[in-house]
Amino acid sequence: MITMRNYHTLTNVTYDAETGLFTLSASEADTLVVLRREGDYLLFSVGIGALEIALRLRYADAAWTLAHIQPNDGLAITRQIGSGQAYLGVGQSTDGALTLRPVVVGDASGQVRANLRLIPAVAQALVKWVAPDPA
């Protein structure tokens, strides 16, 4: 079956307390997601081969969204964190997996984005790290 979107599944998670880097990776693909908190911002970088998409998101927005996202199997993405030009699309399915879609919009003629799927254990680790105390 041919689909319009290809998802890279992220199955591994590590945190380096010394550098503050929270890393998500895929064992079957050359995909790496690195997050780091810097003050009021959450830096989000996804690298797929030589391509990198880097976003600077408001930490409070990311924490609130991840703490309050509701599962929905009908829509891959139900929330956006960021602006209209650069954002992280987020969605959760009823099995606990999380979909992340970092997007940079060029103009009306195109955009660059990546389609990432986090297995439930990795999704839980990300939510616990970003939003440890839901409010």
C-alpha atoms as a PDB file:
ATOM      1  CA  MET A   1       0.000   0.000   0.000  1.00  0.00           C
ATOM      2  CA  ILE A   2       1.281   3.452  -0.907  1.00  0.00           C
ATOM      3  CA  THR A   3       0.498   6.267   1.505  1.00  0.00           C
ATOM      4  CA  MET A   4       1.102   9.983   1.254  1.00  0.00           C
ATOM      5  CA  ARG A   5       2.948  10.181   4.574  1.00  0.00           C
ATOM      6  CA  ASN A   6       5.810   8.065   5.812  1.00  0.00           C
ATOM      7  CA  TYR A   7       6.339   7.975   9.559  1.00  0.00           C
ATOM      8  CA  HIS A   8       9.609   7.266  11.329  1.00  0.00           C
ATOM      9  CA  THR A   9       8.939   5.410  14.567  1.00  0.00           C
ATOM     10  CA  LEU A  10      11.045   6.516  17.526  1.00  0.00           C
ATOM     11  CA  THR A  11      11.730   3.663  19.941  1.00  0.00           C
ATOM     12  CA  ASN A  12      14.661   4.816  22.084  1.00  0.00           C
ATOM     13  CA  VAL A  13      14.993   7.579  24.656  1.00  0.00           C
ATOM     14  CA  THR A  14      17.991   8.908  26.597  1.00  0.00           C
ATOM     15  CA  TYR A  15      18.575  11.887  28.874  1.00  0.00           C
ATOM     16  CA  ASP A  16      21.971  13.390  29.632  1.00  0.00           C
ATOM     17  CA  ALA A  17      21.664  15.378  32.880  1.00  0.00           C
ATOM     18  CA  GLU A  18      25.069  16.995  32.336  1.00  0.00           C
ATOM     19  CA  THR A  19      24.141  18.594  28.995  1.00  0.00           C
ATOM     20  CA  GLY A  20      20.354  18.697  29.501  1.00  0.00           C
ATOM     21  CA  LEU A  21      19.786  16.913  26.191  1.00  0.00           C
ATOM     22  CA  PHE A  22      16.716  14.681  25.898  1.00  0.00           C
ATOM     23  CA  THR A  23      17.162  12.425  22.860  1.00  0.00           C
ATOM     24  CA  LEU A  24      14.691  10.295  20.943  1.00  0.00           C
ATOM     25  CA  SER A  25      15.913   7.958  18.229  1.00  0.00           C
ATOM     26  CA  ALA A  26      14.820   5.266  15.824  1.00  0.00           C
ATOM     27  CA  SER A  27      16.613   1.984  15.492  1.00  0.00           C
ATOM     28  CA  GLU A  28      15.581   1.319  11.876  1.00  0.00           C
ATOM     29  CA  ALA A  29      16.154   4.776  10.397  1.00  0.00           C
ATOM     30  CA  ASP A  30      18.665   7.592  10.482  1.00  0.00           C
ATOM     31  CA  THR A  31      16.340   9.762  12.603  1.00  0.00           C
ATOM     32  CA  LEU A  32      17.301  11.668  15.733  1.00  0.00           C
ATOM     33  CA  VAL A  33      15.229  14.125  17.797  1.00  0.00           C
ATOM     34  CA  VAL A  34      16.997  16.235  20.415  1.00  0.00           C
ATOM     35  CA  LEU A  35      15.231  18.513  22.888  1.00  0.00           C
ATOM     36  CA  ARG A  36      16.671  20.916  25.419  1.00  0.00           C
ATOM     37  CA  ARG A  37      15.146  23.472  27.719  1.00  0.00           C
ATOM     38  CA  GLU A  38      16.652  26.954  27.634  1.00  0.00           C
ATOM     39  CA  GLY A  39      14.855  29.340  29.984  1.00  0.00           C
ATOM     40  CA  ASP A  40      11.326  29.962  28.730  1.00  0.00           C
ATOM     41  CA  TYR A  41      11.964  27.987  25.549  1.00  0.00           C
ATOM     42  CA  LEU A  42      12.120  24.370  24.476  1.00  0.00           C
ATOM     43  CA  LEU A  43      14.539  23.731  21.639  1.00  0.00           C
ATOM     44  CA  PHE A  44      13.383  20.936  19.335  1.00  0.00           C
ATOM     45  CA  SER A  45      15.632  19.567  16.609  1.00  0.00           C
ATOM     46  CA  VAL A  46      14.892  16.637  14.323  1.00  0.00           C
ATOM     47  CA  GLY A  47      17.559  15.273  12.027  1.00  0.00           C
ATOM     48  CA  ILE A  48      16.793  12.822   9.254  1.00  0.00           C
ATOM     49  CA  GLY A  49      19.983  12.090   7.409  1.00  0.00           C
ATOM     50  CA  ALA A  50      21.496  15.445   6.429  1.00  0.00           C
ATOM     51  CA  LEU A  51      18.176  17.316   6.833  1.00  0.00           C
ATOM     52  CA  GLU A  52      17.516  19.160  10.104  1.00  0.00           C
ATOM     53  CA  ILE A  53      14.388  20.978  11.225  1.00  0.00           C
ATOM     54  CA  ALA A  54      14.933  23.120  14.314  1.00  0.00           C
ATOM     55  CA  LEU A  55      12.158  24.828  16.272  1.00  0.00           C
ATOM     56  CA  ARG A  56      12.234  27.165  19.262  1.00  0.00           C
ATOM     57  CA  LEU A  57       8.983  26.601  21.137  1.00  0.00           C
ATOM     58  CA  ARG A  58       7.605  28.278  24.237  1.00  0.00           C
ATOM     59  CA  TYR A  59       8.154  25.811  27.062  1.00  0.00           C
ATOM     60  CA  ALA A  60       4.864  26.645  28.816  1.00  0.00           C
ATOM     61  CA  ASP A  61       2.897  25.969  25.614  1.00  0.00           C
ATOM     62  CA  ALA A  62       4.643  22.631  25.070  1.00  0.00           C
ATOM     63  CA  ALA A  63       4.178  21.532  28.677  1.00  0.00           C
ATOM     64  CA  TRP A  64       0.481  22.438  28.720  1.00  0.00           C
ATOM     65  CA  THR A  65      -0.209  20.757  25.367  1.00  0.00           C
ATOM     66  CA  LEU A  66       1.564  17.509  26.269  1.00  0.00           C
ATOM     67  CA  ALA A  67      -0.071  17.382  29.706  1.00  0.00           C
ATOM     68  CA  HIS A  68      -3.585  17.901  28.319  1.00  0.00           C
ATOM     69  CA  ILE A  69      -3.602  16.184  24.923  1.00  0.00           C
ATOM     70  CA  GLN A  70      -6.543  13.831  24.398  1.00  0.00           C
ATOM     71  CA  PRO A  71      -6.290  10.603  22.387  1.00  0.00           C
ATOM     72  CA  ASN A  72      -8.025  10.654  19.010  1.00  0.00           C
ATOM     73  CA  ASP A  73      -7.652   7.881  16.428  1.00  0.00           C
ATOM     74  CA  GLY A  74      -9.495   9.904  13.768  1.00  0.00           C
ATOM     75  CA  LEU A  75      -6.914  12.697  13.504  1.00  0.00           C
ATOM     76  CA  ALA A  76      -3.130  12.327  13.450  1.00  0.00           C
ATOM     77  CA  ILE A  77      -2.558  15.889  14.695  1.00  0.00           C
ATOM     78  CA  THR A  78      -4.915  17.629  17.134  1.00  0.00           C
ATOM     79  CA  ARG A  79      -2.737  20.444  18.557  1.00  0.00           C
ATOM     80  CA  GLN A  80      -0.040  22.842  17.368  1.00  0.00           C
ATOM     81  CA  ILE A  81       2.745  24.376  19.433  1.00  0.00           C
ATOM     82  CA  GLY A  82       4.392  27.434  17.907  1.00  0.00           C
ATOM     83  CA  SER A  83       3.400  29.999  15.293  1.00  0.00           C
ATOM     84  CA  GLY A  84       1.733  29.748  11.894  1.00  0.00           C
ATOM     85  CA  GLN A  85       5.130  29.731  10.180  1.00  0.00           C
ATOM     86  CA  ALA A  86       6.985  27.203  12.378  1.00  0.00           C
ATOM     87  CA  TYR A  87       5.241  24.784  14.692  1.00  0.00           C
ATOM     88  CA  LEU A  88       5.158  21.310  16.167  1.00  0.00           C
ATOM     89  CA  GLY A  89       1.984  19.392  15.401  1.00  0.00           C
ATOM     90  CA  VAL A  90       1.076  16.918  18.155  1.00  0.00           C
ATOM     91  CA  GLY A  91      -1.449  14.109  18.279  1.00  0.00           C
ATOM     92  CA  GLN A  92      -2.057  11.046  20.424  1.00  0.00           C
ATOM     93  CA  SER A  93      -3.786   7.790  19.539  1.00  0.00           C
ATOM     94  CA  THR A  94      -5.770   5.632  21.937  1.00  0.00           C
ATOM     95  CA  ASP A  95      -2.903   3.128  22.198  1.00  0.00           C
ATOM     96  CA  GLY A  96      -0.741   5.836  23.831  1.00  0.00           C
ATOM     97  CA  ALA A  97       1.512   6.492  20.842  1.00  0.00           C
ATOM     98  CA  LEU A  98       2.316  10.138  20.107  1.00  0.00           C
ATOM     99  CA  THR A  99       2.627  11.715  16.671  1.00  0.00           C
ATOM    100  CA  LEU A 100       4.982  14.684  16.296  1.00  0.00           C
ATOM    101  CA  ARG A 101       5.114  16.728  13.113  1.00  0.00           C
ATOM    102  CA  PRO A 102       7.629  19.614  13.088  1.00  0.00           C
ATOM    103  CA  VAL A 103       6.689  22.014  10.269  1.00  0.00           C
ATOM    104  CA  VAL A 104       8.349  25.059   8.725  1.00  0.00           C
ATOM    105  CA  VAL A 105       6.061  26.850   6.264  1.00  0.00           C
ATOM    106  CA  GLY A 106       7.775  28.646   3.385  1.00  0.00           C
ATOM    107  CA  ASP A 107       4.758  30.364   1.846  1.00  0.00           C
ATOM    108  CA  ALA A 108       1.572  29.315   0.084  1.00  0.00           C
ATOM    109  CA  SER A 109       3.566  27.127  -2.297  1.00  0.00           C
ATOM    110  CA  GLY A 110       5.225  24.772   0.166  1.00  0.00           C
ATOM    111  CA  GLN A 111       6.483  23.621   3.537  1.00  0.00           C
ATOM    112  CA  VAL A 112       9.063  21.309   5.087  1.00  0.00           C
ATOM    113  CA  ARG A 113       7.950  18.790   7.689  1.00  0.00           C
ATOM    114  CA  ALA A 114       8.802  15.460   9.249  1.00  0.00           C
ATOM    115  CA  ASN A 115       6.373  12.760  10.391  1.00  0.00           C
ATOM    116  CA  LEU A 116       7.404  11.076  13.629  1.00  0.00           C
ATOM    117  CA  ARG A 117       5.638   8.452  15.716  1.00  0.00           C
ATOM    118  CA  LEU A 118       6.684   7.755  19.313  1.00  0.00           C
ATOM    119  CA  ILE A 119       5.889   4.355  20.787  1.00  0.00           C
ATOM    120  CA  PRO A 120       3.878   4.609  24.044  1.00  0.00           C
ATOM    121  CA  ALA A 121       6.891   4.143  26.373  1.00  0.00           C
ATOM    122  CA  VAL A 122       8.866   6.873  24.583  1.00  0.00           C
ATOM    123  CA  ALA A 123       5.795   9.137  24.513  1.00  0.00           C
ATOM    124  CA  GLN A 124       5.365   8.720  28.279  1.00  0.00           C
ATOM    125  CA  ALA A 125       9.039   9.550  28.876  1.00  0.00           C
ATOM    126  CA  LEU A 126       8.730  12.720  26.774  1.00  0.00           C
ATOM    127  CA  VAL A 127       5.579  13.876  28.578  1.00  0.00           C
ATOM    128  CA  LYS A 128       7.166  13.172  31.976  1.00  0.00           C
ATOM    129  CA  TRP A 129      10.274  15.166  31.022  1.00  0.00           C
ATOM    130  CA  VAL A 130       8.458  18.158  29.476  1.00  0.00           C
ATOM    131  CA  ALA A 131       5.398  18.258  31.738  1.00  0.00           C
ATOM    132  CA  PRO A 132       6.314  16.460  34.966  1.00  0.00           C
ATOM    133  CA  ASP A 133       3.527  18.062  36.977  1.00  0.00           C
ATOM    134  CA  PRO A 134       0.389  18.634  34.855  1.00  0.00           C
ATOM    135  CA  ALA A 135      -1.577  21.683  35.888  1.00  0.00           C
END
